[in-house]
Protein backbone atom coordinates (compact mmCIF):
# COMPACT_ATOMS: atom_id res chain seq x y z
CA UNK A 1 36.55 19.05 -55.63
CA UNK A 2 40.12 18.28 -56.87
CA UNK A 3 40.82 16.59 -60.16
CA UNK A 4 41.88 13.24 -58.24
CA UNK A 5 38.64 13.33 -56.07
CA UNK A 6 36.40 14.02 -59.35
CA UNK A 7 38.14 11.05 -60.83
CA UNK A 8 37.69 8.78 -57.83
CA UNK A 9 33.90 9.57 -57.56
CA UNK A 10 33.16 9.78 -61.29
CA UNK A 11 31.81 13.26 -60.63
CA UNK A 12 30.41 14.93 -63.73
CA UNK A 13 27.55 17.38 -62.31
CA UNK A 14 24.70 17.59 -64.65
CA UNK A 15 24.29 21.28 -66.02
CA UNK A 16 21.19 23.13 -65.10
CA UNK A 17 20.23 23.31 -68.93
CA UNK A 18 20.54 19.65 -69.52
CA UNK A 19 18.66 18.91 -66.35
CA UNK A 20 15.82 20.88 -67.38
CA UNK A 21 15.78 19.22 -70.92
CA UNK A 22 15.83 15.83 -69.50
CA UNK A 23 12.73 16.44 -67.18
CA UNK A 24 10.84 18.14 -69.96
CA UNK A 25 11.38 15.06 -72.02
CA UNK A 26 10.02 12.90 -69.38
CA UNK A 27 7.05 15.27 -69.22
CA UNK A 28 6.43 14.85 -72.65
CA UNK A 29 6.53 11.07 -72.42
CA UNK A 30 3.71 11.18 -69.93
CA UNK A 31 5.85 10.51 -66.68
CA UNK A 32 3.81 11.86 -63.83
CA UNK A 33 5.48 10.79 -60.52
CA UNK A 34 4.14 11.05 -56.97
CA UNK A 35 7.79 10.68 -55.86
CA UNK A 36 11.19 11.56 -57.34
CA UNK A 37 14.41 9.62 -56.13
CA UNK A 38 17.86 10.56 -56.88
CA UNK A 39 20.42 8.19 -55.75
CA UNK A 40 23.47 10.44 -56.23
CA UNK A 41 21.97 13.92 -56.17
CA UNK A 42 25.11 16.08 -56.21
CA UNK A 43 24.25 19.78 -56.23
CA UNK A 44 20.69 19.11 -56.85
CA UNK A 45 20.29 20.32 -60.48
CA UNK A 46 18.07 17.43 -61.51
CA UNK A 47 16.13 17.50 -58.37
CA UNK A 48 15.33 21.24 -58.83
CA UNK A 49 14.45 20.77 -62.51
CA UNK A 50 12.10 17.84 -61.48
CA UNK A 51 10.26 20.15 -58.89
CA UNK A 52 9.76 22.78 -61.64
CA UNK A 53 7.68 20.37 -63.63
CA UNK A 54 6.35 18.11 -60.92
CA UNK A 55 5.61 20.56 -58.13
CA UNK A 56 4.07 18.99 -55.09
CA UNK A 57 5.53 15.30 -55.49
CA UNK A 58 7.72 14.03 -52.76
CA UNK A 59 11.63 14.14 -53.31
CA UNK A 60 14.44 11.97 -52.12
CA UNK A 61 18.15 12.70 -52.62
CA UNK A 62 20.97 10.68 -51.59
CA UNK A 63 24.53 12.09 -51.68
CA UNK A 64 28.07 11.03 -50.11
CA UNK A 65 29.54 14.56 -50.57
CA UNK A 66 28.58 16.70 -47.61
CA UNK A 67 29.46 19.88 -49.69
CA UNK A 68 27.06 19.00 -52.36
CA UNK A 69 24.36 17.97 -49.79
CA UNK A 70 24.46 21.50 -48.05
CA UNK A 71 24.46 23.22 -51.51
CA UNK A 72 21.44 21.10 -52.47
CA UNK A 73 19.64 21.74 -49.23
CA UNK A 74 20.22 25.66 -49.64
CA UNK A 75 18.78 25.57 -53.34
CA UNK A 76 15.65 23.37 -52.55
CA UNK A 77 13.82 25.69 -50.15
CA UNK A 78 10.51 24.45 -48.90
CA UNK A 79 8.86 21.20 -47.70
CA UNK A 80 8.87 18.02 -49.66
CA UNK A 81 12.56 17.15 -49.78
CA UNK A 82 14.18 14.54 -47.85
CA UNK A 83 18.17 14.55 -48.33
CA UNK A 84 20.22 11.62 -46.95
CA UNK A 85 24.06 11.70 -46.34
CA UNK A 86 25.12 8.37 -47.40
CA UNK A 87 27.39 6.08 -49.58
CA UNK A 88 25.31 4.52 -52.24
CA UNK A 89 27.09 1.17 -51.57
CA UNK A 90 26.54 1.35 -47.91
CA UNK A 91 22.88 2.06 -48.29
CA UNK A 92 19.95 -0.26 -47.49
CA UNK A 93 17.95 0.63 -50.58
CA UNK A 94 15.06 -1.88 -49.96
CA UNK A 95 14.47 0.03 -46.64
CA UNK A 96 14.86 3.60 -48.10
CA UNK A 97 12.45 2.94 -50.93
CA UNK A 98 9.96 0.85 -49.00
CA UNK A 99 7.38 3.77 -48.24
CA UNK A 100 8.05 5.59 -51.64
CA UNK A 101 4.90 6.59 -53.15
CA UNK A 102 4.13 5.34 -56.70
CA UNK A 103 4.33 6.03 -59.54
CA UNK A 104 7.93 6.63 -58.79
CA UNK A 105 10.64 8.33 -61.00
CA UNK A 106 14.18 7.37 -60.20
CA UNK A 107 16.26 9.99 -61.76
CA UNK A 108 19.98 10.80 -61.99
CA UNK A 109 23.44 10.80 -63.25
CA UNK A 110 25.57 8.13 -61.48
CA UNK A 111 29.34 8.25 -61.60
CA UNK A 112 31.15 7.90 -64.80
CA UNK A 113 34.01 5.84 -63.64
CA UNK A 114 35.28 2.03 -64.08
CA UNK A 115 36.72 -0.11 -61.41
CA UNK A 116 39.81 0.13 -63.27
CA UNK A 117 39.68 3.88 -63.06
CA UNK A 118 39.05 3.83 -59.39
CA UNK A 119 41.96 1.44 -58.80
CA UNK A 120 44.40 3.81 -60.66
CA UNK A 121 43.18 6.65 -58.55
CA UNK A 122 43.25 4.63 -55.32
CA UNK A 123 39.66 4.91 -54.89
CA UNK A 124 37.42 2.85 -52.61
CA UNK A 125 34.00 4.30 -53.41
CA UNK A 126 32.71 1.08 -55.16
CA UNK A 127 31.22 -2.31 -54.95
CA UNK A 128 33.27 -5.36 -54.56
CA UNK A 129 34.47 -6.21 -57.97
CA UNK A 130 33.90 -9.71 -59.52
CA UNK A 131 34.50 -11.20 -62.67
CA UNK A 132 30.73 -11.29 -63.49
CA UNK A 133 31.00 -14.93 -64.73
CA UNK A 134 34.03 -14.58 -66.93
CA UNK A 135 36.53 -17.39 -67.10
CA UNK A 136 39.90 -18.11 -68.60
CA UNK A 137 41.46 -15.20 -70.74
CA UNK A 138 38.50 -12.95 -70.48
CA UNK A 139 38.69 -12.76 -66.64
CA UNK A 140 42.51 -12.08 -66.55
CA UNK A 141 42.91 -9.60 -69.39
CA UNK A 142 40.26 -7.10 -68.64
CA UNK A 143 36.85 -7.90 -69.66
CA UNK A 144 35.97 -8.26 -65.84
CA UNK A 145 36.36 -4.45 -65.50
CA UNK A 146 33.04 -2.76 -65.25
CA UNK A 147 31.51 0.75 -64.96
CA UNK A 148 30.40 1.61 -61.42
CA UNK A 149 27.23 3.22 -62.77
CA UNK A 150 26.27 -0.13 -64.46
CA UNK A 151 26.43 -1.78 -60.93
CA UNK A 152 24.45 0.83 -59.38
CA UNK A 153 21.74 0.80 -62.02
CA UNK A 154 21.36 -2.93 -61.78
CA UNK A 155 21.08 -2.62 -58.09
CA UNK A 156 18.36 0.05 -58.32
CA UNK A 157 16.40 -1.76 -60.93
CA UNK A 158 16.40 -5.03 -58.70
CA UNK A 159 14.61 -2.66 -56.01
CA UNK A 160 12.24 -0.95 -58.17
CA UNK A 161 11.26 -3.91 -60.65
CA UNK A 162 7.68 -4.90 -59.70
CA UNK A 163 6.48 -1.32 -59.03
CA UNK A 164 4.98 1.34 -60.98
CA UNK A 165 8.25 3.11 -61.60
CA UNK A 166 10.37 4.84 -64.44
CA UNK A 167 14.20 4.92 -64.43
CA UNK A 168 15.90 7.88 -66.16
CA UNK A 169 19.52 7.90 -66.06
CA UNK A 170 22.40 9.96 -67.69
CA UNK A 171 24.99 7.31 -68.45
CA UNK A 172 27.37 5.93 -71.19
CA UNK A 173 25.54 4.29 -74.08
CA UNK A 174 27.79 1.34 -73.45
CA UNK A 175 26.52 1.03 -69.70
CA UNK A 176 22.78 1.47 -71.03
CA UNK A 177 23.34 -1.40 -73.42
CA UNK A 178 24.93 -3.74 -71.04
CA UNK A 179 22.21 -3.06 -68.47
CA UNK A 180 19.60 -3.80 -71.02
CA UNK A 181 21.47 -6.86 -72.32
CA UNK A 182 21.65 -8.28 -68.87
CA UNK A 183 17.98 -8.02 -68.38
CA UNK A 184 17.11 -9.36 -71.75
CA UNK A 185 19.39 -12.28 -71.21
CA UNK A 186 17.48 -13.10 -68.04
CA UNK A 187 14.30 -13.35 -70.03
CA UNK A 188 12.85 -10.00 -69.06
CA UNK A 189 13.08 -6.22 -69.70
CA UNK A 190 11.50 -2.88 -69.23
CA UNK A 191 8.23 -2.72 -70.73
CA UNK A 192 9.31 0.39 -72.58
CA UNK A 193 12.97 1.18 -73.16
CA UNK A 194 14.39 4.24 -74.86
CA UNK A 195 17.78 5.91 -75.26
CA UNK A 196 18.25 9.34 -76.13
CA UNK A 197 21.75 10.45 -77.34
CA UNK A 198 23.48 13.25 -75.38
CA UNK A 199 26.39 15.39 -76.45
CA UNK A 200 28.68 14.59 -73.45
CA UNK A 201 31.64 16.62 -74.69
CA UNK A 202 29.20 19.75 -74.62
CA UNK A 203 27.57 18.92 -71.27
CA UNK A 204 30.43 17.26 -69.28
CA UNK A 205 33.54 17.87 -71.13
CA UNK A 206 33.68 14.10 -71.27
CA UNK A 207 34.53 12.48 -74.79
CA UNK A 208 32.49 9.50 -74.45
CA UNK A 209 29.22 8.29 -76.08
CA UNK A 210 26.43 9.16 -73.80
CA UNK A 211 22.70 9.10 -73.48
CA UNK A 212 19.68 9.26 -71.36
CA UNK A 213 18.14 5.87 -70.59
CA UNK A 214 14.57 5.67 -69.94
CA UNK A 215 12.91 2.48 -68.78
CA UNK A 216 9.48 1.87 -67.74
CA UNK A 217 8.66 -0.98 -64.84
CA UNK A 218 7.49 -3.17 -64.21
CA UNK A 219 9.51 -5.58 -66.57
CA UNK A 220 7.86 -7.46 -69.37
CA UNK A 221 9.21 -10.62 -70.73
CA UNK A 222 7.98 -9.98 -74.41
CA UNK A 223 9.95 -6.74 -74.80
CA UNK A 224 13.32 -7.07 -75.80
CA UNK A 225 13.77 -3.93 -77.99
CA UNK A 226 15.07 -0.45 -77.17
CA UNK A 227 14.54 2.83 -79.59
CA UNK A 228 17.46 4.88 -79.97
CA UNK A 229 16.90 8.62 -80.54
CA UNK A 230 19.54 10.75 -82.09
CA UNK A 231 18.95 13.74 -79.43
CA UNK A 232 16.76 14.79 -76.60
CA UNK A 233 14.44 16.74 -78.86
CA UNK A 234 14.01 13.95 -81.42
CA UNK A 235 10.64 12.58 -81.86
CA UNK A 236 11.59 9.57 -84.26
CA UNK A 237 14.08 6.89 -83.28
CA UNK A 238 17.20 6.56 -85.58
CA UNK A 239 17.68 2.88 -84.78
CA UNK A 240 16.19 0.10 -82.87
CA UNK A 241 18.45 -2.33 -80.79
CA UNK A 242 17.54 -5.49 -79.16
CA UNK A 243 18.43 -9.12 -78.06
CA UNK A 244 18.26 -11.88 -80.13
CA UNK A 245 20.18 -15.31 -80.48
CA UNK A 246 21.68 -14.79 -77.06
CA UNK A 247 23.32 -11.60 -78.07
CA UNK A 248 22.79 -7.78 -78.33
CA UNK A 249 21.68 -6.49 -81.77
CA UNK A 250 22.75 -2.92 -83.04
CA UNK A 251 20.09 -2.66 -85.59
CA UNK A 252 16.84 -4.85 -85.74
CA UNK A 253 15.91 -4.38 -89.25
CA UNK A 254 19.59 -5.35 -90.57
CA UNK A 255 19.35 -8.40 -88.13
CA UNK A 256 16.11 -9.56 -89.80
CA UNK A 257 17.52 -9.36 -93.29
CA UNK A 258 20.85 -11.17 -92.49
CA UNK A 259 19.98 -13.59 -89.47
CA UNK A 260 20.22 -16.55 -91.97
CA UNK A 261 24.15 -15.85 -92.03
CA UNK A 262 24.30 -16.79 -88.19
CA UNK A 263 25.24 -20.31 -88.85
CA UNK A 264 29.08 -19.67 -87.92
CA UNK A 265 31.43 -22.64 -88.06
CA UNK A 266 34.68 -20.82 -89.10
CA UNK A 267 37.48 -20.15 -86.34
CA UNK A 268 38.79 -16.85 -86.70
CA UNK A 269 42.21 -16.19 -85.24
CA UNK A 270 43.76 -13.25 -83.50
CA UNK A 271 47.30 -11.96 -84.33
CA UNK A 272 50.45 -12.54 -82.23
CA UNK A 273 50.20 -11.47 -78.67
CA UNK A 274 53.61 -10.56 -77.34
CA UNK A 275 53.46 -7.47 -75.12
CA UNK A 276 56.98 -6.52 -75.95
CA UNK A 277 56.77 -4.29 -79.06
CA UNK A 278 59.92 -2.36 -78.52
CA UNK A 279 61.95 -5.59 -78.72
CA UNK A 280 60.28 -7.72 -81.38
CA UNK A 281 59.04 -5.24 -83.86
CA UNK A 282 61.76 -4.13 -86.01
CA UNK A 283 62.48 -2.24 -89.24
CA UNK A 284 65.04 -3.35 -91.70
CA UNK A 285 68.07 -1.14 -92.45
CA UNK A 286 70.35 -2.78 -94.95
CA UNK A 287 71.15 -6.35 -93.64
CA UNK A 288 70.42 -5.45 -89.99
CA UNK A 289 67.39 -4.33 -88.04
CA UNK A 290 66.42 -1.37 -85.68
CA UNK A 291 64.23 -2.00 -82.95
CA UNK A 292 61.79 0.22 -80.97
CA UNK A 293 64.60 1.19 -78.57
CA UNK A 294 66.64 2.64 -81.41
CA UNK A 295 69.21 -0.23 -81.20
CA UNK A 296 70.56 -1.65 -84.60
CA UNK A 297 70.93 -5.15 -84.29
CA UNK A 298 72.26 -8.20 -86.37
CA UNK A 299 69.67 -11.04 -86.39
CA UNK A 300 69.14 -14.28 -88.29
CA UNK A 301 66.21 -13.93 -90.67
CA UNK A 302 64.62 -17.28 -89.79
CA UNK A 303 62.68 -16.03 -87.00
CA UNK A 304 61.58 -12.70 -88.75
CA UNK A 305 58.26 -12.09 -90.46
CA UNK A 306 56.74 -9.21 -92.48
CA UNK A 307 54.09 -7.73 -90.18
CA UNK A 308 50.89 -5.68 -90.47
CA UNK A 309 49.41 -3.79 -87.43
CA UNK A 310 45.84 -2.92 -87.12
CA UNK A 311 46.26 0.59 -88.80
CA UNK A 312 48.44 -0.79 -91.79
CA UNK A 313 45.83 -3.58 -92.49
CA UNK A 314 42.86 -1.08 -92.32
CA UNK A 315 44.62 1.32 -94.64
CA UNK A 316 45.62 -1.33 -97.14
CA UNK A 317 49.52 -0.68 -96.69
CA UNK A 318 52.40 -3.07 -97.49
CA UNK A 319 54.19 -4.38 -94.34
CA UNK A 320 56.65 -1.75 -93.20
CA UNK A 321 58.40 -3.69 -90.23
CA UNK A 322 59.07 -7.21 -89.03
CA UNK A 323 58.14 -9.25 -86.21
CA UNK A 324 60.52 -11.63 -84.23
CA UNK A 325 58.25 -14.60 -83.81
CA UNK A 326 59.80 -16.76 -81.00
CA UNK A 327 57.69 -20.01 -81.52
CA UNK A 328 55.78 -22.06 -84.08
CA UNK A 329 53.42 -23.13 -81.30
CA UNK A 330 52.64 -21.68 -77.91
CA UNK A 331 53.98 -24.68 -76.03
CA UNK A 332 57.31 -24.61 -77.79
CA UNK A 333 60.16 -24.03 -75.44
CA UNK A 334 61.94 -20.79 -76.78
CA UNK A 335 65.25 -22.39 -75.59
CA UNK A 336 65.58 -23.96 -78.98
CA UNK A 337 66.45 -20.71 -80.39
CA UNK A 338 69.78 -20.90 -78.79
CA UNK A 339 71.11 -23.54 -81.17
CA UNK A 340 68.93 -22.57 -84.07
CA UNK A 341 69.74 -18.66 -84.22
CA UNK A 342 72.47 -17.88 -81.77
CA UNK A 343 72.47 -14.23 -82.60
CA UNK A 344 68.98 -13.87 -82.10
CA UNK A 345 69.13 -15.88 -78.76
CA UNK A 346 71.82 -13.32 -77.47
CA UNK A 347 69.60 -10.49 -78.55
CA UNK A 348 66.48 -11.99 -76.63
CA UNK A 349 68.72 -12.46 -73.64
CA UNK A 350 69.82 -9.04 -73.62
CA UNK A 351 66.37 -7.82 -73.08
CA UNK A 352 65.05 -10.82 -70.93
CA UNK A 353 64.06 -8.41 -68.05
CA UNK A 354 61.69 -6.58 -70.39
CA UNK A 355 59.97 -9.98 -71.21
CA UNK A 356 60.02 -10.79 -67.40
CA UNK A 357 58.06 -7.60 -66.62
CA UNK A 358 55.22 -8.35 -68.97
CA UNK A 359 52.13 -7.92 -66.70
CA UNK A 360 49.58 -10.35 -68.16
CA UNK A 361 49.22 -13.71 -66.22
CA UNK A 362 49.18 -15.64 -69.40
CA UNK A 363 52.80 -15.72 -69.72
CA UNK A 364 53.30 -17.20 -66.18
CA UNK A 365 54.60 -20.68 -66.17
CA UNK A 366 55.55 -20.30 -69.86
CA UNK A 367 59.21 -20.21 -71.52
CA UNK A 368 60.93 -16.81 -71.04
CA UNK A 369 60.02 -15.48 -74.51
CA UNK A 370 56.68 -16.98 -74.89
CA UNK A 371 54.09 -15.48 -77.07
CA UNK A 372 50.37 -16.20 -77.88
CA UNK A 373 48.18 -16.46 -80.99
CA UNK A 374 50.92 -18.80 -82.26
CA UNK A 375 50.08 -21.96 -84.37
CA UNK A 376 50.36 -23.53 -87.88
CA UNK A 377 47.49 -20.80 -89.00
CA UNK A 378 50.09 -17.97 -88.08
CA UNK A 379 52.35 -18.96 -90.90
CA UNK A 380 49.85 -19.90 -93.59
CA UNK A 381 50.90 -18.06 -96.80
CA UNK A 382 47.41 -16.83 -97.52
CA UNK A 383 44.77 -15.08 -95.41
CA UNK A 384 41.78 -13.06 -95.15
CA UNK A 385 42.23 -10.40 -92.37
CA UNK A 386 40.56 -7.48 -90.77
CA UNK A 387 41.41 -4.75 -88.19
CA UNK A 388 39.51 -5.03 -84.88
CA UNK A 389 39.81 -1.20 -84.22
CA UNK A 390 38.32 0.50 -87.20
CA UNK A 391 34.85 1.47 -87.54
CA UNK A 392 34.93 1.01 -91.28
CA UNK A 393 35.32 -2.63 -91.68
CA UNK A 394 37.39 -3.63 -94.60
CA UNK A 395 38.71 -7.37 -95.10
CA UNK A 396 41.84 -7.88 -97.27
CA UNK A 397 43.49 -10.93 -98.74
CA UNK A 398 46.82 -11.00 -97.61
CA UNK A 399 49.61 -13.14 -99.20
CA UNK A 400 53.43 -13.54 -98.86
CA UNK A 401 55.76 -10.73 -98.63
CA UNK A 402 59.35 -11.53 -100.05
CA UNK A 403 58.27 -14.94 -100.00
CA UNK A 404 57.60 -14.90 -96.30
CA UNK A 405 54.03 -15.42 -94.69
CA UNK A 406 52.75 -11.97 -93.10
CA UNK A 407 51.87 -12.02 -89.39
CA UNK A 408 49.59 -9.65 -87.69
CA UNK A 409 49.56 -8.04 -84.11
CA UNK A 410 46.75 -8.93 -81.69
CA UNK A 411 44.43 -6.24 -82.63
CA UNK A 412 43.73 -8.04 -86.01
CA UNK A 413 41.71 -11.14 -86.99
CA UNK A 414 42.25 -13.48 -89.70
CA UNK A 415 41.16 -16.84 -91.48
CA UNK A 416 44.05 -19.02 -92.99
CA UNK A 417 43.21 -19.87 -96.54
CA UNK A 418 44.33 -22.62 -98.96
CA UNK A 419 45.49 -20.24 -101.63
CA UNK A 420 45.16 -16.91 -103.23
CA UNK A 421 42.03 -17.60 -104.98
CA UNK A 422 40.21 -18.73 -101.77
CA UNK A 423 41.47 -15.60 -99.87
CA UNK A 424 40.29 -13.15 -102.60
CA UNK A 425 37.07 -14.96 -102.91
CA UNK A 426 36.35 -14.80 -99.38
CA UNK A 427 37.48 -11.14 -99.03
CA UNK A 428 35.20 -10.26 -101.80
CA UNK A 429 32.15 -11.93 -99.90
CA UNK A 430 33.00 -10.32 -96.55
CA UNK A 431 33.23 -6.87 -98.25
CA UNK A 432 29.77 -7.31 -99.95
CA UNK A 433 26.73 -5.24 -99.23
CA UNK A 434 25.11 -8.33 -97.67
CA UNK A 435 28.14 -8.69 -95.17
CA UNK A 436 27.99 -4.84 -94.57
CA UNK A 437 24.33 -5.36 -93.60
CA UNK A 438 25.22 -8.21 -91.20
CA UNK A 439 27.96 -5.95 -89.40
CA UNK A 440 25.31 -3.17 -89.26
CA UNK A 441 23.16 -5.47 -87.28
CA UNK A 442 25.85 -6.47 -84.75
CA UNK A 443 28.54 -3.72 -84.50
CA UNK A 444 27.74 -0.65 -82.22
CA UNK A 445 29.69 2.39 -83.52
CA UNK A 446 31.06 3.26 -80.28
CA UNK A 447 32.79 -0.12 -79.47
CA UNK A 448 36.43 0.29 -78.97
CA UNK A 449 36.92 -2.81 -81.02
CA UNK A 450 33.95 -3.06 -83.31
CA UNK A 451 35.05 -6.39 -84.71
CA UNK A 452 35.78 -9.30 -82.60
CA UNK A 453 36.53 -13.02 -83.00
CA UNK A 454 33.41 -13.93 -81.35
CA UNK A 455 31.38 -11.97 -83.72
CA UNK A 456 33.06 -13.17 -86.69
CA UNK A 457 32.88 -16.72 -85.65
CA UNK A 458 29.10 -16.40 -85.90
CA UNK A 459 29.23 -15.50 -89.57
CA UNK A 460 28.75 -18.08 -92.43
CA UNK A 461 31.51 -16.95 -94.60
CA UNK A 462 30.92 -19.58 -97.33
CA UNK A 463 27.36 -18.32 -97.68
CA UNK A 464 28.72 -14.87 -98.31
CA UNK A 465 31.54 -16.18 -100.87
CA UNK A 466 29.15 -18.09 -102.94
């Protein structure tokens, strides 16, 4: 299979050794199926490993790739196997599973690809994309993107819930959590759920956090937790995740200790979103400024503010560059710059096409050089701020730099403060052990953006600050 096709189909075949480990683990958990179903069986390594352990059970494999299907048929000699050449998304799974004997084991390794990945590769092997209930900025800035495997697993669970069945799937840990979170939010969940961490780089050459998700059905309304084991051979969980107060919990013991802090009330702000960093992020050279395109330009200082990006904020660095901020509020017309700062206006006009090419729909029907994350709070002299991207969560009290308020890029979050004393007091509370325990309860280590404004807004900052 070509690299493009591998991308389009999310094709990461399960190595035989890993397949054997997975099935032995299931045997150790007491899984004894009368039938085994693999909905994307590939070359058949998991089906073959299952036959070594479960012998005379009935086996059903579905696969879209005819080359893989032939390879699977050659390896799986003897009776007891039904192979179906079909597209998962065009298959009537209710009809296919209707006569399947119980207990049933639905086993597999579904495609590791997102709808965005498929779009980039011009692939069509996917369900219809929806925003999954997202509205506003969430729906237009990327949160509507989802993993194909998540959709497939949801679909399979809807088919097997209510039956005596076990689902055992290799997938990204983020997919496993989303899947469980969706069920828990609906007031149900597997009667037993476990995640076993898998080294995806060693097994698949994929630099992602992955696991074997094992769920027992039928679902039970009273179970909203999942034990997380550090490896396939581990006998004791390293953590217990769950669902409380309408959200996923990364560590249940930490949640129990800190749930009293979930009163919220503070509105955390994100930094400035401009999507034109080569033009609006500059470094000072004497009395002039150099932009990301290498141009040395002469600008009025009124619209230039010292800035911190996520990396500098996380490392405790001083501002090294400036941001050209075109508005005081998002609704402000940027045309006013022509009279207030004519050199800056000419500079912006020279790069008008770059601003026009900004892809996000949030800029539509706005002034030509509009930005977001702009308000009076942006220019508050004192703030307490945190990077959204770093696993080591560290809050900093940020004050003026050269008598100018510091601004942040949109990967940072901050609270405006009245003065230095308030900023330092709040930063100390947010860096306390109690706060660290709170974040352990709510932050998953593999999140691309561990800290979000939504999470921060749930935290009672004043209770930490004393």
